[in-house]
Amino acid sequence: MTAKLMSLSVLNISACPKLEMIGKETRGGEATVLPGPDLTQLDINYCENLKPMPIQMEGNVLLPKLRLLMIGK
């Protein structure tokens, strides 16, 4: 299932140890892409299995409005 996150501005995820992916996988499957052009705040805590997310891909900034990024544990 793919959710459309086009108007999402704040995303907080906490204590999700089984969560592996936010958004969709990149071509190689080693990372994910979060399609959130209006996302201004992203806070992730205690999600140790989450794949990395690139901030820039092929010269394009993927989260152009992001002002606050917090990642813990």
Protein backbone atom coordinates (compact mmCIF):
# COMPACT_ATOMS: atom_id res chain seq x y z
CA MET A 1 0.00 0.00 0.00
CA THR A 2 1.38 3.42 -0.92
CA ALA A 3 0.13 6.52 0.89
CA LYS A 4 0.22 9.93 -0.74
CA LEU A 5 2.03 12.34 1.55
CA MET A 6 1.98 15.42 -0.65
CA SER A 7 0.42 17.81 1.91
CA LEU A 8 1.96 16.30 5.06
CA SER A 9 3.95 18.92 7.00
CA VAL A 10 4.94 17.14 10.25
CA LEU A 11 5.78 13.45 10.71
CA ASN A 12 6.63 11.94 14.12
CA ILE A 13 7.43 8.23 14.38
CA SER A 14 8.41 6.69 17.69
CA ALA A 15 8.95 3.22 19.17
CA CYS A 16 8.42 1.21 15.98
CA PRO A 17 11.18 -1.44 16.20
CA LYS A 18 9.78 -3.49 13.28
CA LEU A 19 9.33 -0.53 10.92
CA GLU A 20 11.76 -0.87 8.00
CA MET A 21 10.60 1.64 5.42
CA ILE A 22 8.95 5.05 5.07
CA GLY A 23 7.94 5.96 1.55
CA LYS A 24 9.12 3.77 -1.30
CA GLU A 25 12.33 1.83 -1.97
CA THR A 26 15.05 3.24 -4.17
CA ARG A 27 16.12 1.28 -7.25
CA GLY A 28 18.82 -0.60 -5.37
CA GLY A 29 16.60 -1.28 -2.34
CA GLU A 30 19.22 -0.01 0.11
CA ALA A 31 17.30 3.16 0.98
CA THR A 32 13.84 4.67 0.75
CA VAL A 33 12.47 7.89 -0.73
CA LEU A 34 9.92 9.89 1.21
CA PRO A 35 7.72 11.88 -1.21
CA GLY A 36 6.86 14.83 1.03
CA PRO A 37 7.41 18.17 -0.71
CA ASP A 38 5.62 20.08 2.10
CA LEU A 39 7.27 18.21 4.99
CA THR A 40 8.83 20.75 7.39
CA GLN A 41 9.50 18.53 10.42
CA LEU A 42 10.59 14.88 10.64
CA ASP A 43 11.16 13.25 14.04
CA ILE A 44 12.14 9.56 14.26
CA ASN A 45 12.94 7.76 17.54
CA TYR A 46 13.53 4.12 18.48
CA CYS A 47 13.09 2.72 14.96
CA GLU A 48 16.36 0.79 14.66
CA ASN A 49 15.40 -1.22 11.54
CA LEU A 50 14.46 1.80 9.43
CA LYS A 51 16.33 2.03 6.13
CA PRO A 52 18.19 5.29 5.40
CA MET A 53 16.50 8.03 3.37
CA PRO A 54 18.49 10.24 0.99
CA ILE A 55 17.85 13.97 1.20
CA GLN A 56 18.99 14.55 -2.38
CA MET A 57 18.73 12.24 -5.39
CA GLU A 58 19.88 12.79 -8.96
CA GLY A 59 20.40 16.50 -8.25
CA ASN A 60 16.91 17.03 -6.82
CA VAL A 61 16.28 17.94 -3.17
CA LEU A 62 13.62 15.49 -2.01
CA LEU A 63 12.43 17.40 1.07
CA PRO A 64 12.84 21.05 0.01
CA LYS A 65 10.90 22.57 2.95
CA LEU A 66 12.43 20.44 5.71
CA ARG A 67 13.51 22.73 8.58
CA LEU A 68 13.79 20.28 11.48
CA LEU A 69 15.16 16.74 11.38
CA MET A 70 15.47 14.80 14.64
CA ILE A 71 16.68 11.21 14.82
CA GLY A 72 17.22 9.45 18.14
CA LYS A 73 18.31 6.00 19.25
